[in-house]
């Protein structure tokens, strides 16, 4: 995982989530709140980079999407950022 090259626990949990088709934060927060917070911060960083498109323009524009689909993609990333921000303020 490029976004967390020095955090083996985060990288492992993300790879596990990909293999298991999902990351279950409710369970993860019960198991290891610190790890859940680190993963949340990594997700926030990646989502922010996607929206800003500065360092990773390939994340901002998804091949194969027309303009409307691209707009919806970026709106969904912005929605994710809001959810993450709300979660970080609650924890």
Protein backbone atom coordinates (compact mmCIF):
# COMPACT_ATOMS: atom_id res chain seq x y z
CA UNK A 1 0.00 0.00 0.00
CA UNK A 2 1.64 3.16 -1.20
CA UNK A 3 -0.20 5.39 1.27
CA UNK A 4 1.14 3.61 4.33
CA UNK A 5 4.49 2.07 3.37
CA UNK A 6 5.84 2.10 6.93
CA UNK A 7 2.77 0.79 8.71
CA UNK A 8 2.62 -2.96 8.25
CA UNK A 9 -0.51 -3.33 10.37
CA UNK A 10 -2.47 -0.84 8.24
CA UNK A 11 -1.20 -2.39 5.01
CA UNK A 12 -2.10 -5.90 6.22
CA UNK A 13 -5.60 -4.86 7.31
CA UNK A 14 -6.23 -3.11 3.98
CA UNK A 15 -5.04 -6.15 2.02
CA UNK A 16 -7.27 -8.32 4.19
CA UNK A 17 -10.21 -5.99 3.48
CA UNK A 18 -9.61 -6.27 -0.25
CA UNK A 19 -9.47 -10.07 -0.03
CA UNK A 20 -12.58 -10.25 2.13
CA UNK A 21 -14.45 -7.66 0.04
CA UNK A 22 -14.79 -5.04 2.75
CA UNK A 23 -13.48 -3.32 5.83
CA UNK A 24 -15.80 -3.57 8.80
CA UNK A 25 -15.02 -0.50 10.89
CA UNK A 26 -17.55 -1.32 13.59
CA UNK A 27 -15.70 -4.55 14.34
CA UNK A 28 -12.28 -3.01 13.85
CA UNK A 29 -12.99 -0.21 16.34
CA UNK A 30 -13.93 -2.83 18.91
CA UNK A 31 -10.77 -4.88 18.21
CA UNK A 32 -8.19 -2.12 17.83
CA UNK A 33 -9.30 1.51 17.97
CA UNK A 34 -5.78 2.86 17.35
CA UNK A 35 -5.44 0.81 14.15
CA UNK A 36 -8.92 1.87 13.04
CA UNK A 37 -7.97 5.51 13.53
CA UNK A 38 -4.74 5.07 11.53
CA UNK A 39 -6.68 3.45 8.68
CA UNK A 40 -9.24 6.25 8.80
CA UNK A 41 -6.46 8.83 8.50
CA UNK A 42 -4.91 6.99 5.54
CA UNK A 43 -8.30 6.90 3.83
CA UNK A 44 -8.72 10.62 4.50
CA UNK A 45 -5.31 11.38 3.00
CA UNK A 46 -6.02 9.32 -0.13
CA UNK A 47 -9.50 10.80 -0.58
CA UNK A 48 -8.12 14.33 -0.16
CA UNK A 49 -5.36 13.64 -2.69
CA UNK A 50 -7.96 12.28 -5.09
CA UNK A 51 -10.15 15.37 -4.88
CA UNK A 52 -7.23 17.79 -5.06
CA UNK A 53 -5.51 15.85 -7.84
CA UNK A 54 -2.19 17.58 -7.13
CA UNK A 55 0.17 14.70 -6.46
CA UNK A 56 -1.91 11.94 -7.96
CA UNK A 57 -3.84 13.20 -11.00
CA UNK A 58 -4.48 9.60 -12.07
CA UNK A 59 -6.70 9.17 -8.99
CA UNK A 60 -8.79 12.22 -9.86
CA UNK A 61 -9.72 11.23 -13.39
CA UNK A 62 -10.97 7.70 -13.86
CA UNK A 63 -10.51 6.29 -17.35
CA UNK A 64 -13.71 5.28 -19.05
CA UNK A 65 -15.92 7.79 -17.24
CA UNK A 66 -17.79 10.46 -19.14
CA UNK A 67 -18.05 13.95 -17.63
CA UNK A 68 -21.24 13.20 -15.65
CA UNK A 69 -19.85 9.97 -14.26
CA UNK A 70 -16.59 11.72 -13.37
CA UNK A 71 -18.54 14.43 -11.53
CA UNK A 72 -20.46 11.77 -9.59
CA UNK A 73 -17.20 9.96 -8.78
CA UNK A 74 -15.67 13.12 -7.30
CA UNK A 75 -18.90 13.92 -5.44
CA UNK A 76 -18.80 10.46 -3.87
CA UNK A 77 -15.18 11.01 -2.79
CA UNK A 78 -16.24 14.34 -1.26
CA UNK A 79 -19.07 12.53 0.55
CA UNK A 80 -16.52 10.03 1.84
CA UNK A 81 -14.35 12.88 3.11
CA UNK A 82 -17.32 14.31 5.00
CA UNK A 83 -18.08 10.93 6.58
CA UNK A 84 -14.45 10.50 7.57
CA UNK A 85 -14.31 14.00 9.02
CA UNK A 86 -17.47 13.34 11.03
CA UNK A 87 -16.04 10.03 12.27
CA UNK A 88 -12.75 11.62 13.31
CA UNK A 89 -14.60 14.30 15.27
CA UNK A 90 -16.67 11.66 17.08
CA UNK A 91 -13.74 9.47 18.12
